[in-house]
Amino acid sequence: MRHVPDNDPTAAAVTDPAALRADCANCFGLCCVALTLTASADFAINKEAGDPCRNLQEDFRCGIHTRLRSEGFAGCTVYDCFGAGQKVSQGTYGGRDWRQAPDSARQMFEVFPVMRRLHELLRYLTEALALPDAGPLHTELRNARDSTERLTLGTAEELVELDVSVHRDGVAALLGRTSELVRATAPRGRKRSHRGGDLIGARLKGADLQGADLRGAYLIAADLRAADLRLADVIGADFRDADLADADLTGALFLTQTQLNAAKGNAATRLPPSLTRPTHWVGTPPGGE
């Protein structure tokens, strides 16, 4: 385990939301290099993992950031590293980028997706700890969060060798118990399970899904206009092109910015205060909320 100086900005407490949000100014464009892109409705080009995207500039910024959707890179507007980019760039590699140290580039690109998966777990665990109704599980959640954070502070070699799936399975089970506990507070008869369900294109306008289990559900292009998703567990749910206009997602469990960015909505869609209304949604002013 590497030593982290007290003044290391990447060592911010995981309870600080900023530590779990992408900070591109302190990242070496890792998502623009480490990931594979496949020409599709989401990406205008094919790109192999390890090859820099043609839009990546020398300062590691995107040259078409404000035009990603119009240029055919809508997938980039959906992606979120949960703060893993700056953690790898400034923490694991101490500010040494892959251009300055090409010998470490391949390893850095392997570390990045591992760190992202760990930071995604931190995101969910941090949210779970903020849920008053999950009080009976707070000690277990805090221990899981702390052990996950310790893993993120490992050396590059340790991170490459880490089997994240084993750790993730344990966290997933704990989050599942958290979900059951919190959703039990929903009105009786509203805890329906659609876990992993095929709801592609489903007509759910005005549906009462309060307290529903939508974990891993396929909601691609589903009509969720004016649906009630309060206290619904949406961890891992696929909201691509789902219509959330006028829907109520306040209190939805484990909802991420990535899911919102992939969906459609409007100015009347009700969101948790920690998330931002996507700028491409109807009626959203430039720059979002």
Protein backbone atom coordinates (compact mmCIF):
# COMPACT_ATOMS: atom_id res chain seq x y z
CA MET A 1 0.00 0.00 0.00
CA ARG A 2 1.47 3.35 -1.00
CA HIS A 3 1.87 6.20 1.50
CA VAL A 4 -0.45 9.13 0.83
CA PRO A 5 0.78 12.56 2.02
CA ASP A 6 -1.61 14.46 4.27
CA ASN A 7 -1.84 17.26 1.72
CA ASP A 8 -2.61 14.99 -1.25
CA PRO A 9 -5.78 16.46 -2.89
CA THR A 10 -6.79 12.97 -4.06
CA ALA A 11 -6.96 11.79 -0.45
CA ALA A 12 -10.16 13.76 0.20
CA ALA A 13 -12.62 11.99 2.45
CA VAL A 14 -15.02 9.84 0.48
CA THR A 15 -17.89 11.66 2.19
CA ASP A 16 -16.88 14.70 0.12
CA PRO A 17 -19.09 14.49 -3.01
CA ALA A 18 -16.38 16.24 -5.05
CA ALA A 19 -14.08 13.25 -4.59
CA LEU A 20 -16.62 11.08 -6.40
CA ARG A 21 -17.24 13.38 -9.36
CA ALA A 22 -15.07 13.65 -12.44
CA ASP A 23 -12.53 16.46 -12.29
CA CYS A 24 -11.21 16.59 -15.85
CA ALA A 25 -8.82 19.44 -15.02
CA ASN A 26 -6.83 17.03 -12.84
CA CYS A 27 -7.05 14.01 -15.12
CA PHE A 28 -4.84 12.98 -18.02
CA GLY A 29 -7.78 12.32 -20.35
CA LEU A 30 -7.82 8.67 -19.30
CA CYS A 31 -11.37 7.96 -20.51
CA CYS A 32 -10.35 9.39 -23.90
CA VAL A 33 -7.49 6.91 -24.20
CA ALA A 34 -8.02 3.85 -22.04
CA LEU A 35 -11.46 2.90 -23.34
CA THR A 36 -12.51 1.22 -26.59
CA LEU A 37 -14.97 3.11 -28.79
CA THR A 38 -17.17 1.41 -31.36
CA ALA A 39 -18.70 3.42 -34.20
CA SER A 40 -22.41 3.59 -33.45
CA ALA A 41 -25.14 6.03 -32.48
CA ASP A 42 -23.02 6.81 -29.41
CA PHE A 43 -19.61 7.26 -31.04
CA ALA A 44 -18.65 8.55 -34.47
CA ILE A 45 -15.45 6.49 -34.67
CA ASN A 46 -13.83 3.17 -33.90
CA LYS A 47 -10.98 3.44 -31.40
CA GLU A 48 -8.94 0.74 -29.70
CA ALA A 49 -8.20 0.87 -25.99
CA GLY A 50 -4.88 2.63 -25.50
CA ASP A 51 -5.22 4.84 -28.57
CA PRO A 52 -5.96 8.51 -27.88
CA CYS A 53 -9.25 9.80 -29.24
CA ARG A 54 -8.73 12.10 -32.21
CA ASN A 55 -10.44 14.89 -30.23
CA LEU A 56 -8.01 14.76 -27.29
CA GLN A 57 -5.81 17.86 -27.13
CA GLU A 58 -2.28 18.27 -25.78
CA ASP A 59 -3.65 19.66 -22.50
CA PHE A 60 -5.75 16.48 -22.10
CA ARG A 61 -8.99 18.39 -22.75
CA CYS A 62 -11.61 17.45 -25.32
CA GLY A 63 -11.50 19.64 -28.40
CA ILE A 64 -15.23 19.28 -29.05
CA HIS A 65 -16.52 19.17 -25.48
CA THR A 66 -19.32 21.65 -26.11
CA ARG A 67 -20.32 19.90 -29.37
CA LEU A 68 -20.08 16.24 -28.42
CA ARG A 69 -23.69 15.37 -29.21
CA SER A 70 -23.81 17.25 -32.50
CA GLU A 71 -20.47 15.71 -33.55
CA GLY A 72 -21.71 12.15 -32.94
CA PHE A 73 -20.17 11.50 -29.52
CA ALA A 74 -23.29 11.35 -27.35
CA GLY A 75 -21.77 8.40 -25.50
CA CYS A 76 -19.11 10.68 -24.06
CA THR A 77 -21.76 12.89 -22.46
CA VAL A 78 -23.14 9.87 -20.64
CA TYR A 79 -19.88 8.45 -19.30
CA ASP A 80 -18.85 9.16 -15.70
CA CYS A 81 -15.66 7.95 -14.03
CA PHE A 82 -16.94 8.82 -10.53
CA GLY A 83 -13.70 10.65 -9.80
CA ALA A 84 -11.44 7.75 -10.75
CA GLY A 85 -9.64 9.77 -13.43
CA GLN A 86 -8.13 12.32 -11.09
CA LYS A 87 -7.47 9.64 -8.44
CA VAL A 88 -5.33 7.64 -10.87
CA SER A 89 -3.69 10.69 -12.44
CA GLN A 90 -2.82 12.65 -9.31
CA GLY A 91 -2.90 9.91 -6.69
CA THR A 92 -1.75 6.54 -8.02
CA TYR A 93 0.73 8.11 -10.46
CA GLY A 94 1.51 11.27 -8.52
CA GLY A 95 0.87 13.67 -11.41
CA ARG A 96 3.12 11.82 -13.90
CA ASP A 97 1.14 11.53 -17.14
CA TRP A 98 1.32 8.84 -19.79
CA ARG A 99 2.98 11.17 -22.28
CA GLN A 100 5.77 12.04 -19.87
CA ALA A 101 6.22 8.43 -18.85
CA PRO A 102 5.18 6.28 -21.84
CA ASP A 103 6.59 3.16 -20.16
CA SER A 104 3.80 3.37 -17.58
CA ALA A 105 1.03 4.17 -20.07
CA ARG A 106 -0.24 0.62 -20.56
CA GLN A 107 -0.34 0.00 -16.83
CA MET A 108 -2.12 3.30 -16.21
CA PHE A 109 -4.80 2.39 -18.73
CA GLU A 110 -5.29 -0.94 -16.95
CA VAL A 111 -5.52 0.70 -13.53
CA PHE A 112 -8.14 3.23 -14.62
CA PRO A 113 -11.12 0.86 -15.14
CA VAL A 114 -10.30 -0.89 -11.85
CA MET A 115 -10.31 2.44 -10.03
CA ARG A 116 -13.55 3.43 -11.72
CA ARG A 117 -15.32 0.33 -10.45
CA LEU A 118 -14.08 1.01 -6.93
CA HIS A 119 -15.17 4.64 -7.08
CA GLU A 120 -18.60 3.63 -8.33
CA LEU A 121 -18.95 1.42 -5.26
CA LEU A 122 -17.84 4.33 -3.09
CA ARG A 123 -20.52 6.47 -4.69
CA TYR A 124 -23.25 3.97 -3.76
CA LEU A 125 -21.91 3.32 -0.27
CA THR A 126 -21.67 7.04 0.47
CA GLU A 127 -25.28 7.50 -0.61
CA ALA A 128 -26.39 4.54 1.50
CA LEU A 129 -24.74 6.04 4.58
CA ALA A 130 -26.76 9.22 4.11
CA LEU A 131 -30.06 7.31 4.28
CA PRO A 132 -31.56 7.63 7.78
CA ASP A 133 -33.71 4.52 7.27
CA ALA A 134 -30.55 2.48 6.65
CA GLY A 135 -29.38 3.27 10.20
CA PRO A 136 -29.24 -0.40 11.35
CA LEU A 137 -26.71 -1.08 8.58
CA HIS A 138 -24.59 2.05 8.96
CA THR A 139 -21.74 0.27 10.74
CA GLU A 140 -21.47 -2.36 8.01
CA LEU A 141 -21.81 0.27 5.31
CA ARG A 142 -19.11 2.42 6.90
CA ASN A 143 -16.76 -0.56 7.15
CA ALA A 144 -17.41 -1.44 3.50
CA ARG A 145 -16.82 2.14 2.44
CA ASP A 146 -13.55 2.35 4.39
CA SER A 147 -12.26 -0.96 3.03
CA THR A 148 -13.13 0.14 -0.51
CA GLU A 149 -11.32 3.43 0.01
CA ARG A 150 -8.23 1.57 1.23
CA LEU A 151 -8.22 -0.46 -1.96
CA THR A 152 -8.21 2.75 -4.04
CA LEU A 153 -5.00 3.81 -2.25
CA GLY A 154 -3.12 0.74 -3.38
CA THR A 155 -0.12 0.86 -5.69
CA ALA A 156 -0.58 0.54 -9.43
CA GLU A 157 0.69 -3.03 -9.22
CA GLU A 158 -1.80 -3.89 -6.48
CA LEU A 159 -4.68 -2.35 -8.38
CA VAL A 160 -3.90 -4.23 -11.59
CA GLU A 161 -3.89 -7.52 -9.69
CA LEU A 162 -7.05 -6.74 -7.73
CA ASP A 163 -10.08 -8.94 -8.37
CA VAL A 164 -12.71 -6.22 -8.07
CA SER A 165 -15.57 -8.62 -8.73
CA VAL A 166 -15.05 -10.41 -5.40
CA HIS A 167 -15.15 -7.13 -3.47
CA ARG A 168 -18.05 -5.85 -5.56
CA ASP A 169 -20.18 -8.92 -4.84
CA GLY A 170 -19.86 -8.35 -1.09
CA VAL A 171 -20.75 -4.66 -1.44
CA ALA A 172 -23.64 -5.45 -3.78
CA ALA A 173 -25.17 -7.81 -1.22
CA LEU A 174 -24.91 -5.12 1.46
CA LEU A 175 -26.46 -2.51 -0.82
CA GLY A 176 -29.25 -4.96 -1.57
CA ARG A 177 -30.02 -5.28 2.13
CA THR A 178 -29.92 -1.49 2.40
CA SER A 179 -32.40 -1.22 -0.43
CA GLU A 180 -34.80 -3.68 1.18
CA LEU A 181 -34.66 -1.78 4.45
CA VAL A 182 -35.29 1.62 2.90
CA ARG A 183 -37.92 0.51 0.39
CA ALA A 184 -39.84 -1.14 3.22
CA THR A 185 -40.84 2.38 4.25
CA ALA A 186 -42.77 2.84 0.99
CA PRO A 187 -46.57 2.52 1.15
CA ARG A 188 -47.83 -1.06 1.35
CA GLY A 189 -48.19 -2.86 -1.94
CA ARG A 190 -45.70 -0.65 -3.76
CA LYS A 191 -42.58 -2.80 -3.51
CA ARG A 192 -42.89 -4.60 -6.82
CA SER A 193 -39.84 -6.30 -8.27
CA HIS A 194 -38.69 -5.74 -11.84
CA ARG A 195 -35.08 -6.65 -11.08
CA GLY A 196 -33.24 -7.29 -14.33
CA GLY A 197 -36.56 -7.06 -16.13
CA ASP A 198 -37.00 -6.41 -19.85
CA LEU A 199 -38.91 -3.14 -19.88
CA ILE A 200 -37.53 -1.92 -23.18
CA GLY A 201 -40.05 0.44 -24.72
CA ALA A 202 -42.49 -0.26 -21.88
CA ARG A 203 -45.53 2.00 -21.59
CA LEU A 204 -45.24 3.17 -17.99
CA LYS A 205 -46.66 6.66 -18.28
CA GLY A 206 -47.97 7.71 -14.89
CA ALA A 207 -46.98 4.38 -13.35
CA ASP A 208 -46.75 4.11 -9.58
CA LEU A 209 -43.28 2.63 -9.16
CA GLN A 210 -42.68 4.03 -5.71
CA GLY A 211 -40.49 1.59 -3.77
CA ALA A 212 -40.10 -0.73 -6.77
CA ASP A 213 -37.01 -2.89 -7.29
CA LEU A 214 -35.67 -1.84 -10.70
CA ARG A 215 -32.12 -3.06 -10.18
CA GLY A 216 -30.51 -3.83 -13.52
CA ALA A 217 -33.81 -3.36 -15.35
CA TYR A 218 -33.72 -2.57 -19.08
CA LEU A 219 -35.73 0.63 -19.40
CA ILE A 220 -34.36 1.60 -22.81
CA ALA A 221 -36.80 3.94 -24.58
CA ALA A 222 -39.43 3.26 -21.91
CA ASP A 223 -42.23 5.81 -21.51
CA LEU A 224 -41.88 6.90 -17.89
CA ARG A 225 -43.58 10.26 -18.27
CA ALA A 226 -45.11 11.40 -14.97
CA ALA A 227 -44.11 8.10 -13.34
CA ASP A 228 -43.55 8.01 -9.57
CA LEU A 229 -40.06 6.59 -8.93
CA ARG A 230 -39.66 7.77 -5.35
CA LEU A 231 -37.77 5.20 -3.25
CA ALA A 232 -37.34 2.98 -6.31
CA ASP A 233 -34.00 1.15 -6.41
CA VAL A 234 -32.52 1.93 -9.84
CA ILE A 235 -28.97 0.75 -9.35
CA GLY A 236 -27.64 -0.47 -12.69
CA ALA A 237 -30.92 0.26 -14.51
CA ASP A 238 -30.51 1.18 -18.18
CA PHE A 239 -32.33 4.46 -18.86
CA ARG A 240 -31.03 5.06 -22.38
CA ASP A 241 -33.60 7.18 -24.24
CA ALA A 242 -36.19 6.58 -21.52
CA ASP A 243 -38.63 9.48 -21.31
CA LEU A 244 -38.64 10.90 -17.78
CA ALA A 245 -40.62 14.05 -18.57
CA ASP A 246 -42.67 15.11 -15.52
CA ALA A 247 -41.48 12.03 -13.59
CA ASP A 248 -40.66 12.17 -9.87
CA LEU A 249 -37.23 10.73 -9.03
CA THR A 250 -36.77 12.45 -5.69
CA GLY A 251 -35.51 9.87 -3.25
CA ALA A 252 -34.79 7.29 -5.98
CA LEU A 253 -32.11 4.96 -4.63
CA PHE A 254 -28.66 4.87 -6.25
CA LEU A 255 -29.63 7.04 -9.22
CA THR A 256 -26.55 8.44 -10.98
CA GLN A 257 -25.83 11.35 -13.26
CA THR A 258 -24.87 8.85 -15.95
CA GLN A 259 -28.38 7.42 -15.96
CA LEU A 260 -29.95 10.86 -16.22
CA ASN A 261 -27.60 11.89 -19.03
CA ALA A 262 -28.65 8.82 -21.00
CA ALA A 263 -32.35 9.57 -20.61
CA LYS A 264 -34.73 12.25 -21.82
CA GLY A 265 -36.61 14.61 -19.54
CA ASN A 266 -37.87 18.12 -19.12
CA ALA A 267 -37.85 21.07 -16.74
CA ALA A 268 -40.65 19.46 -14.71
CA THR A 269 -38.79 16.22 -14.00
CA ARG A 270 -38.15 16.11 -10.25
CA LEU A 271 -34.62 15.12 -9.31
CA PRO A 272 -32.63 14.46 -6.13
CA PRO A 273 -30.76 17.65 -5.10
CA SER A 274 -27.38 15.99 -5.58
CA LEU A 275 -27.93 15.52 -9.34
CA THR A 276 -28.02 18.00 -12.21
CA ARG A 277 -30.62 18.35 -14.93
CA PRO A 278 -28.90 17.41 -18.23
CA THR A 279 -28.54 20.34 -20.62
CA HIS A 280 -30.06 18.37 -23.53
CA TRP A 281 -33.37 17.91 -21.70
CA VAL A 282 -36.32 19.93 -22.97
CA GLY A 283 -36.76 23.25 -21.23
CA THR A 284 -33.36 23.17 -19.50
CA PRO A 285 -31.50 26.52 -19.70
CA PRO A 286 -27.94 26.48 -21.10
CA GLY A 287 -25.51 25.34 -18.44
CA GLY A 288 -28.15 23.30 -16.61
CA GLU A 289 -29.42 24.14 -13.15
